[in-house]
């Protein structure tokens, strides 16, 4: 097997869910670049039911893809390929996509009047912008592009290890596959996630800052390495298929507890979400959702429609573009007095449509440059 095609569909769906999640932040209780006046906590449900497992699953899938890539590429070739795939959009995105997001924040939330060129000038020269409350905003930032930076770092670490200890990585995968059988498939990873939340999250809360985000690094790097060492073990995937129903049941049993916790503790109440009760819910929910999704995806191993191949190539571009497009659309609706809860779905659809148009335009432009005779 050269790749697991069912993971392409899972990856596409998770990225699409990510767009839905970011749109919900404009309407929920958490701080964001721009907020609708009629925001309410019902939109926090999208956060609480998707955030615990969504990024962990993406890093696991990225690890599986890396495992298959290492079978046909040397570590140095893989590092070079991933650098082109990840670092180029990260750097370009930080230069050209983050300033428009700050423009929306300055004008739509901070109460300023500053044009786009001024925002770019301040941002690219690291010259701070003074907000009306006296605070200053300055410096390059990754915002939603943090996934690209984290994944590149994890890949760089992995290829260094693979270059000197590839047999040991295979041995680790064999050992893990033996441990993750039967109920052990659900118990051991869920226990790890609980322990990480208890020990690291209160001390190092998530920051999406590459330098000090130690809880997130431990969590996501564990998922990434798990995908690398287990990705080519067929018995592991068979176990996922066998345990998918029980995993789904456990995940669904966690949902009422999560919703109850949300009803009594706002998302910004870190103490409540770092409590033992919350950790005992979120940890199993995270892993059981991952097992259920990957397990049921096994039914689609042979499903390879052309649209799936197209979206699999396009979805990373959608991810890179979506937050900037979404915020600009929301800001324009706000200026027209149309930014409210009723605009949630239209903003999602307009964001997807704009991302698709820009990707298709870029794809056709590349084809013209690659094949001038087509012009």
Protein backbone atom coordinates (compact mmCIF):
# COMPACT_ATOMS: atom_id res chain seq x y z
CA UNK A 1 0.00 0.00 0.00
CA UNK A 2 1.44 3.38 -1.08
CA UNK A 3 -0.98 5.54 0.93
CA UNK A 4 -4.20 5.33 2.89
CA UNK A 5 -6.70 7.03 0.60
CA UNK A 6 -9.45 7.13 3.21
CA UNK A 7 -7.36 9.62 5.17
CA UNK A 8 -7.59 12.08 2.28
CA UNK A 9 -11.32 12.42 2.89
CA UNK A 10 -10.82 12.72 6.65
CA UNK A 11 -8.18 15.41 6.15
CA UNK A 12 -10.44 17.39 3.81
CA UNK A 13 -13.38 17.19 6.21
CA UNK A 14 -11.26 18.25 9.20
CA UNK A 15 -9.94 21.30 7.36
CA UNK A 16 -13.48 22.23 6.31
CA UNK A 17 -14.56 21.86 9.93
CA UNK A 18 -11.69 24.17 10.86
CA UNK A 19 -13.19 26.88 8.63
CA UNK A 20 -16.57 26.39 10.32
CA UNK A 21 -14.88 26.57 13.72
CA UNK A 22 -13.06 29.82 12.96
CA UNK A 23 -16.29 31.36 11.69
CA UNK A 24 -17.99 30.39 14.96
CA UNK A 25 -15.39 32.36 16.93
CA UNK A 26 -16.91 35.58 15.55
CA UNK A 27 -20.17 34.69 17.29
CA UNK A 28 -19.18 32.82 20.46
CA UNK A 29 -17.87 34.00 23.83
CA UNK A 30 -14.13 33.87 23.10
CA UNK A 31 -12.20 36.97 22.03
CA UNK A 32 -11.55 37.23 18.28
CA UNK A 33 -10.63 39.79 15.61
CA UNK A 34 -14.24 40.87 15.12
CA UNK A 35 -17.38 39.97 17.03
CA UNK A 36 -21.04 40.16 16.06
CA UNK A 37 -23.14 42.35 18.36
CA UNK A 38 -25.59 39.50 18.93
CA UNK A 39 -22.90 36.91 19.76
CA UNK A 40 -24.01 34.20 22.16
CA UNK A 41 -22.55 31.17 23.88
CA UNK A 42 -24.48 28.68 21.75
CA UNK A 43 -21.73 28.99 19.15
CA UNK A 44 -19.26 27.75 21.77
CA UNK A 45 -20.74 24.30 21.23
CA UNK A 46 -18.89 24.12 17.90
CA UNK A 47 -15.67 24.82 19.77
CA UNK A 48 -16.20 22.35 22.59
CA UNK A 49 -17.28 19.47 20.35
CA UNK A 50 -14.55 19.87 17.71
CA UNK A 51 -11.52 21.58 19.23
CA UNK A 52 -10.40 18.78 21.59
CA UNK A 53 -9.75 16.32 18.76
CA UNK A 54 -9.56 18.23 15.47
CA UNK A 55 -5.91 19.35 15.47
CA UNK A 56 -4.71 16.16 17.18
CA UNK A 57 -6.28 14.19 14.35
CA UNK A 58 -4.65 16.41 11.72
CA UNK A 59 -1.20 15.88 13.24
CA UNK A 60 -1.80 12.12 13.42
CA UNK A 61 -2.79 12.06 9.73
CA UNK A 62 0.28 14.15 8.90
CA UNK A 63 2.38 11.57 10.74
CA UNK A 64 0.85 8.75 8.71
CA UNK A 65 1.57 10.63 5.47
CA UNK A 66 5.16 11.12 6.67
CA UNK A 67 5.50 7.38 7.32
CA UNK A 68 4.55 6.57 3.74
CA UNK A 69 6.76 9.35 2.40
CA UNK A 70 9.78 7.93 4.24
CA UNK A 71 9.35 4.70 2.30
CA UNK A 72 10.09 6.45 -1.01
CA UNK A 73 12.16 9.49 0.05
CA UNK A 74 15.35 9.85 2.02
CA UNK A 75 15.14 11.97 5.19
CA UNK A 76 16.90 14.88 3.46
CA UNK A 77 14.57 14.65 0.44
CA UNK A 78 11.54 14.60 2.73
CA UNK A 79 12.81 17.61 4.67
CA UNK A 80 13.32 19.56 1.44
CA UNK A 81 9.88 18.61 0.13
CA UNK A 82 8.08 19.53 3.36
CA UNK A 83 10.02 22.80 3.59
CA UNK A 84 8.69 23.79 0.17
CA UNK A 85 5.16 22.68 1.05
CA UNK A 86 5.02 24.29 4.49
CA UNK A 87 7.55 27.09 4.88
CA UNK A 88 6.76 28.93 1.65
CA UNK A 89 3.01 29.34 2.39
CA UNK A 90 3.84 30.11 6.04
CA UNK A 91 6.22 32.95 5.17
CA UNK A 92 4.06 34.36 2.38
CA UNK A 93 0.97 34.05 4.57
CA UNK A 94 2.61 35.84 7.47
CA UNK A 95 3.69 38.66 5.14
CA UNK A 96 0.50 39.13 3.12
CA UNK A 97 -2.43 37.45 4.90
CA UNK A 98 -1.98 38.47 8.54
CA UNK A 99 -1.97 42.29 8.03
CA UNK A 100 -5.53 42.28 6.57
CA UNK A 101 -6.66 40.39 9.69
CA UNK A 102 -5.09 43.09 11.87
CA UNK A 103 -6.76 45.72 9.68
CA UNK A 104 -10.13 44.17 10.49
CA UNK A 105 -9.29 44.11 14.20
CA UNK A 106 -8.02 47.70 14.32
CA UNK A 107 -11.02 49.11 12.46
CA UNK A 108 -13.76 46.71 13.47
CA UNK A 109 -12.99 46.00 17.13
CA UNK A 110 -10.33 48.37 18.44
CA UNK A 111 -12.21 51.48 17.31
CA UNK A 112 -9.43 52.87 15.12
CA UNK A 113 -9.43 54.38 11.66
CA UNK A 114 -6.38 53.08 9.82
CA UNK A 115 -6.06 52.07 6.18
CA UNK A 116 -4.70 48.80 4.87
CA UNK A 117 -1.43 50.29 3.57
CA UNK A 118 -0.67 51.75 6.99
CA UNK A 119 -1.26 48.39 8.61
CA UNK A 120 1.11 46.70 6.15
CA UNK A 121 3.73 49.40 6.73
CA UNK A 122 3.59 49.02 10.50
CA UNK A 123 3.51 45.23 10.35
CA UNK A 124 6.34 44.65 7.87
CA UNK A 125 8.64 47.16 9.58
CA UNK A 126 7.75 45.88 13.08
CA UNK A 127 6.66 49.40 13.95
CA UNK A 128 4.05 49.20 16.75
CA UNK A 129 0.50 50.47 16.32
CA UNK A 130 -0.84 52.27 19.38
CA UNK A 131 -4.39 51.24 20.23
CA UNK A 132 -6.94 53.66 21.74
CA UNK A 133 -6.45 52.03 25.16
CA UNK A 134 -2.71 52.72 25.03
CA UNK A 135 -1.62 49.16 24.27
CA UNK A 136 0.67 48.49 21.34
CA UNK A 137 0.43 45.83 18.64
CA UNK A 138 3.66 44.88 16.89
CA UNK A 139 5.56 42.00 15.40
CA UNK A 140 5.21 39.13 13.00
CA UNK A 141 2.63 36.58 14.05
CA UNK A 142 1.39 33.27 12.73
CA UNK A 143 -2.28 33.36 13.78
CA UNK A 144 -4.10 30.44 12.06
CA UNK A 145 -0.92 29.51 10.14
CA UNK A 146 0.68 28.08 13.29
CA UNK A 147 -0.16 24.55 12.09
CA UNK A 148 2.31 24.91 9.20
CA UNK A 149 5.13 26.00 11.52
CA UNK A 150 4.47 23.28 14.09
CA UNK A 151 4.22 20.58 11.43
CA UNK A 152 7.47 21.70 9.80
CA UNK A 153 9.31 21.61 13.14
CA UNK A 154 7.93 18.16 13.98
CA UNK A 155 8.87 16.89 10.52
CA UNK A 156 12.40 18.31 10.87
CA UNK A 157 12.79 16.55 14.23
CA UNK A 158 11.43 13.32 12.80
CA UNK A 159 13.72 13.25 9.76
CA UNK A 160 16.74 13.81 11.99
CA UNK A 161 15.70 10.86 14.12
CA UNK A 162 14.91 8.75 11.05
CA UNK A 163 18.34 9.46 9.61
CA UNK A 164 20.08 7.90 12.59
CA UNK A 165 17.51 5.57 14.14
CA UNK A 166 15.08 4.31 11.49
CA UNK A 167 15.16 0.69 12.79
CA UNK A 168 14.35 1.93 16.28
CA UNK A 169 11.35 3.86 14.93
CA UNK A 170 10.08 0.68 13.30
CA UNK A 171 10.62 -1.24 16.53
CA UNK A 172 8.68 1.43 18.44
CA UNK A 173 5.80 1.06 15.98
CA UNK A 174 5.77 -2.71 16.39
CA UNK A 175 5.74 -2.40 20.18
CA UNK A 176 2.97 0.23 20.16
CA UNK A 177 0.83 -1.82 17.80
CA UNK A 178 1.02 -4.70 20.28
CA UNK A 179 -0.03 -2.47 23.18
CA UNK A 180 -2.90 -0.87 21.29
CA UNK A 181 -5.03 -3.96 20.92
CA UNK A 182 -8.53 -4.50 22.24
CA UNK A 183 -9.45 -2.13 25.05
CA UNK A 184 -5.82 -1.02 25.22
CA UNK A 185 -6.41 0.91 22.00
CA UNK A 186 -8.80 3.19 23.88
CA UNK A 187 -7.29 3.10 27.36
CA UNK A 188 -3.59 3.93 26.90
CA UNK A 189 -3.78 6.97 24.60
CA UNK A 190 -6.73 8.40 26.55
CA UNK A 191 -4.72 7.99 29.75
CA UNK A 192 -1.77 9.79 28.14
CA UNK A 193 -4.01 12.69 27.12
CA UNK A 194 -5.45 12.92 30.64
CA UNK A 195 -1.97 12.97 32.19
CA UNK A 196 -0.76 15.65 29.78
CA UNK A 197 -3.73 17.85 30.63
CA UNK A 198 -3.22 17.35 34.37
CA UNK A 199 0.54 17.94 34.43
CA UNK A 200 1.35 20.34 31.59
CA UNK A 201 -1.72 22.32 30.58
CA UNK A 202 -2.11 24.29 33.84
CA UNK A 203 1.58 25.28 33.70
CA UNK A 204 1.85 25.80 29.93
CA UNK A 205 -1.61 26.74 28.60
CA UNK A 206 -1.96 26.70 24.79
CA UNK A 207 -0.49 29.83 23.21
CA UNK A 208 0.16 28.99 19.50
CA UNK A 209 3.59 30.46 20.20
CA UNK A 210 6.28 28.14 18.85
CA UNK A 211 8.72 28.99 21.64
CA UNK A 212 6.69 28.34 24.81
CA UNK A 213 3.69 26.21 23.78
CA UNK A 214 4.95 23.12 25.62
CA UNK A 215 1.64 21.46 26.39
CA UNK A 216 0.53 21.73 22.76
CA UNK A 217 3.93 20.55 21.52
CA UNK A 218 3.82 17.47 23.73
CA UNK A 219 0.26 16.69 22.67
CA UNK A 220 0.65 17.27 18.94
CA UNK A 221 4.13 15.82 18.64
CA UNK A 222 2.85 12.66 20.36
CA UNK A 223 0.05 12.42 17.80
CA UNK A 224 2.43 13.10 14.91
CA UNK A 225 4.97 10.50 16.05
CA UNK A 226 2.13 8.05 16.67
CA UNK A 227 1.03 8.47 13.06
CA UNK A 228 4.60 7.98 11.84
CA UNK A 229 5.33 4.77 13.73
CA UNK A 230 1.85 3.21 13.42
CA UNK A 231 0.86 4.38 9.96
CA UNK A 232 2.15 1.33 8.11
CA UNK A 233 1.03 -1.28 10.66
CA UNK A 234 -2.05 -2.89 9.14
CA UNK A 235 -2.98 -4.57 12.43
CA UNK A 236 -3.33 -1.12 14.02
CA UNK A 237 -5.83 -0.07 11.36
CA UNK A 238 -7.70 -3.32 11.83
CA UNK A 239 -7.94 -2.58 15.55
CA UNK A 240 -9.34 0.87 14.77
CA UNK A 241 -12.05 -0.74 12.64
CA UNK A 242 -12.90 -3.26 15.37
CA UNK A 243 -13.10 -0.68 18.16
CA UNK A 244 -14.81 2.12 16.25
CA UNK A 245 -18.30 1.45 17.61
CA UNK A 246 -17.21 1.36 21.25
CA UNK A 247 -15.06 4.45 20.70
CA UNK A 248 -18.03 6.31 19.25
CA UNK A 249 -20.22 5.28 22.18
CA UNK A 250 -17.65 6.53 24.70
CA UNK A 251 -17.22 9.81 22.78
CA UNK A 252 -20.98 10.35 22.68
CA UNK A 253 -21.23 9.63 26.40
CA UNK A 254 -18.70 12.43 26.98
CA UNK A 255 -20.79 14.97 25.05
CA UNK A 256 -23.45 15.66 27.76
CA UNK A 257 -20.69 16.10 30.35
CA UNK A 258 -18.85 18.54 28.07
CA UNK A 259 -22.02 20.52 27.40
CA UNK A 260 -22.82 20.62 31.10
CA UNK A 261 -19.31 21.82 31.88
CA UNK A 262 -19.70 24.49 29.20
CA UNK A 263 -23.02 25.61 30.69
CA UNK A 264 -21.44 26.29 34.10
CA UNK A 265 -17.91 27.30 33.04
CA UNK A 266 -17.13 29.77 30.22
CA UNK A 267 -14.38 28.79 27.80
CA UNK A 268 -12.09 31.49 29.18
CA UNK A 269 -12.30 30.03 32.71
CA UNK A 270 -8.98 28.18 32.59
CA UNK A 271 -9.23 26.92 36.18
CA UNK A 272 -12.48 25.11 35.46
CA UNK A 273 -11.19 23.56 32.24
CA UNK A 274 -7.98 22.48 33.96
CA UNK A 275 -9.90 20.75 36.75
CA UNK A 276 -9.69 17.00 37.25
CA UNK A 277 -13.32 16.57 36.15
CA UNK A 278 -12.68 18.39 32.87
CA UNK A 279 -9.47 16.45 32.23
CA UNK A 280 -11.25 13.13 32.77
CA UNK A 281 -13.80 14.13 30.13
CA UNK A 282 -11.69 15.86 27.48
CA UNK A 283 -8.90 13.26 27.35
CA UNK A 284 -11.10 10.24 26.51
CA UNK A 285 -13.33 12.36 24.26
CA UNK A 286 -10.31 13.46 22.21
CA UNK A 287 -8.95 9.98 21.59
CA UNK A 288 -12.25 8.17 21.19
CA UNK A 289 -13.37 10.66 18.54
CA UNK A 290 -10.11 10.08 16.67
CA UNK A 291 -10.52 6.28 16.87
CA UNK A 292 -14.17 6.47 15.77
CA UNK A 293 -13.42 8.73 12.80
CA UNK A 294 -10.43 6.71 11.62
CA UNK A 295 -12.24 3.43 12.27
CA UNK A 296 -15.34 4.29 10.27
CA UNK A 297 -13.17 5.79 7.54
CA UNK A 298 -11.90 2.25 6.83
CA UNK A 299 -15.15 1.65 4.95
CA UNK A 300 -13.97 4.17 2.34
CA UNK A 301 -10.55 2.69 1.60
CA UNK A 302 -11.38 2.07 -2.05
CA UNK A 303 -13.35 5.29 -2.64
CA UNK A 304 -11.22 7.52 -4.89
CA UNK A 305 -13.43 9.89 -6.93
CA UNK A 306 -11.68 12.63 -8.96
CA UNK A 307 -13.19 15.34 -6.75
CA UNK A 308 -11.45 13.79 -3.73
CA UNK A 309 -8.08 14.01 -5.47
CA UNK A 310 -8.76 17.62 -6.48
CA UNK A 311 -9.83 18.72 -2.98
CA UNK A 312 -6.92 16.90 -1.38
CA UNK A 313 -4.55 19.11 -3.41
CA UNK A 314 -6.64 22.24 -2.83
CA UNK A 315 -7.53 22.01 0.84
CA UNK A 316 -4.24 23.30 2.24
CA UNK A 317 -4.63 26.45 0.13
CA UNK A 318 -8.19 26.84 1.45
CA UNK A 319 -6.78 26.59 4.96
CA UNK A 320 -4.07 29.20 4.33
CA UNK A 321 -6.51 31.69 2.77
CA UNK A 322 -9.72 31.14 4.70
CA UNK A 323 -9.28 33.21 7.86
CA UNK A 324 -8.21 36.36 6.03
CA UNK A 325 -11.05 36.04 3.51
CA UNK A 326 -13.56 35.28 6.25
CA UNK A 327 -12.61 38.33 8.32
CA UNK A 328 -12.66 40.68 5.34
CA UNK A 329 -16.11 39.40 4.36
CA UNK A 330 -17.37 39.79 7.93
CA UNK A 331 -15.94 43.31 8.16
CA UNK A 332 -17.64 44.41 4.95
CA UNK A 333 -20.94 42.94 6.18
CA UNK A 334 -20.44 44.77 9.47
CA UNK A 335 -20.00 48.06 7.61
CA UNK A 336 -23.29 47.37 5.82
CA UNK A 337 -25.05 46.51 9.07
CA UNK A 338 -25.49 42.87 8.06
CA UNK A 339 -23.05 41.18 10.43
CA UNK A 340 -25.16 39.14 12.85
CA UNK A 341 -25.91 35.52 13.68
CA UNK A 342 -27.96 35.22 10.49
CA UNK A 343 -24.78 35.89 8.49
CA UNK A 344 -22.91 32.90 9.97
CA UNK A 345 -23.69 30.39 7.23
CA UNK A 346 -23.42 32.94 4.37
CA UNK A 347 -19.95 33.93 5.63
CA UNK A 348 -18.88 30.27 5.72
CA UNK A 349 -20.15 29.67 2.18
CA UNK A 350 -18.66 32.90 0.83
CA UNK A 351 -15.32 32.05 2.43
CA UNK A 352 -15.30 28.60 0.86
CA UNK A 353 -16.33 30.02 -2.51
CA UNK A 354 -13.65 32.72 -2.46
CA UNK A 355 -10.99 30.19 -1.39
CA UNK A 356 -12.03 27.84 -4.19
CA UNK A 357 -11.94 30.62 -6.81
CA UNK A 358 -8.51 31.84 -5.72
CA UNK A 359 -7.10 28.31 -5.67
CA UNK A 360 -8.49 27.51 -9.11
CA UNK A 361 -7.17 30.79 -10.50
CA UNK A 362 -3.72 30.09 -9.06
CA UNK A 363 -3.81 26.49 -10.35
CA UNK A 364 -4.64 27.63 -13.89
CA UNK A 365 -2.00 30.37 -13.75
CA UNK A 366 0.64 27.81 -12.77
CA UNK A 367 -0.45 25.59 -15.66
CA UNK A 368 -0.01 28.49 -18.08
CA UNK A 369 3.47 29.25 -16.78
CA UNK A 370 4.39 25.56 -16.85
CA UNK A 371 2.93 25.09 -20.35
CA UNK A 372 3.03 28.43 -22.23
CA UNK A 373 1.46 26.81 -25.27
CA UNK A 374 -1.82 26.67 -23.31
CA UNK A 375 -1.98 30.47 -23.07
